[in-house]
């Protein structure tokens, strides 16, 4: 089963886009639900993205890519 990792709609207030500044888990790495897996920057404010489930992470967006609320940035395979 594969679960999409999306940027939550309520992660920040504005409709601004974000930039992925870092991934804390490598592509193919194991994650546990709730682990912080990535960091995003919106207008010079850092936000942490947590894993919605446990499993193996497949990164879909690279560091420095621009993303918006609701975008799928990775998947987790249980």
Protein backbone atom coordinates (compact mmCIF):
# COMPACT_ATOMS: atom_id res chain seq x y z
CA UNK A 1 0.00 0.00 0.00
CA UNK A 2 1.32 3.42 -0.97
CA UNK A 3 0.44 6.64 0.91
CA UNK A 4 0.96 10.09 -0.60
CA UNK A 5 2.91 12.66 1.39
CA UNK A 6 1.16 15.98 0.72
CA UNK A 7 1.88 19.50 1.88
CA UNK A 8 -0.93 20.15 4.40
CA UNK A 9 -3.39 22.90 3.43
CA UNK A 10 -2.99 24.45 6.90
CA UNK A 11 0.82 24.37 7.11
CA UNK A 12 1.02 28.15 6.68
CA UNK A 13 -1.61 30.88 6.46
CA UNK A 14 -0.89 32.60 3.16
CA UNK A 15 -1.33 31.13 -0.32
CA UNK A 16 2.42 31.48 -0.89
CA UNK A 17 4.53 28.76 -2.45
CA UNK A 18 7.28 27.03 -0.49
CA UNK A 19 10.72 25.67 -1.29
CA UNK A 20 11.96 22.31 -0.03
CA UNK A 21 15.15 23.16 1.84
CA UNK A 22 16.09 19.68 3.05
CA UNK A 23 15.07 16.05 3.31
CA UNK A 24 15.96 14.44 6.64
CA UNK A 25 15.46 10.90 5.29
CA UNK A 26 17.12 9.53 2.17
CA UNK A 27 15.16 8.19 -0.78
CA UNK A 28 14.37 4.56 0.10
CA UNK A 29 14.87 5.16 3.82
CA UNK A 30 12.56 3.95 6.56
CA UNK A 31 10.28 6.39 8.39
CA UNK A 32 7.88 6.12 11.30
CA UNK A 33 4.57 7.93 11.42
CA UNK A 34 5.13 11.40 12.89
CA UNK A 35 8.85 11.56 12.02
CA UNK A 36 9.97 14.91 10.60
CA UNK A 37 11.02 14.03 7.05
CA UNK A 38 11.52 17.39 5.34
CA UNK A 39 11.86 21.10 5.91
CA UNK A 40 10.15 23.76 3.79
CA UNK A 41 10.71 27.50 3.67
CA UNK A 42 7.90 29.99 3.09
CA UNK A 43 8.85 33.67 3.09
CA UNK A 44 11.94 32.99 5.25
CA UNK A 45 10.00 30.89 7.78
CA UNK A 46 10.92 27.20 8.15
CA UNK A 47 8.16 24.57 8.43
CA UNK A 48 8.62 20.86 9.19
CA UNK A 49 6.82 18.15 7.23
CA UNK A 50 6.01 14.95 9.12
CA UNK A 51 5.44 11.44 7.82
CA UNK A 52 1.72 10.54 7.70
CA UNK A 53 2.52 6.82 8.02
CA UNK A 54 5.34 4.35 8.64
CA UNK A 55 7.19 2.64 5.81
CA UNK A 56 9.71 3.27 3.04
CA UNK A 57 10.01 6.83 1.69
CA UNK A 58 10.13 7.57 -2.03
CA UNK A 59 11.00 11.22 -2.61
CA UNK A 60 9.14 12.88 -5.49
CA UNK A 61 10.41 16.46 -5.25
CA UNK A 62 14.03 17.58 -5.00
CA UNK A 63 15.64 20.10 -2.67
CA UNK A 64 15.09 23.67 -3.94
CA UNK A 65 11.90 22.68 -5.83
CA UNK A 66 8.96 25.04 -5.44
CA UNK A 67 5.84 23.43 -3.98
CA UNK A 68 2.37 24.57 -2.95
CA UNK A 69 -0.19 23.46 -0.40
CA UNK A 70 -1.72 20.14 -1.41
CA UNK A 71 1.23 19.08 -3.60
CA UNK A 72 2.40 15.47 -3.36
CA UNK A 73 6.12 15.56 -2.52
CA UNK A 74 6.74 11.89 -1.73
CA UNK A 75 5.10 8.54 -1.14
CA UNK A 76 5.44 6.04 1.68
CA UNK A 77 5.09 2.33 0.98
CA UNK A 78 4.05 0.22 3.97
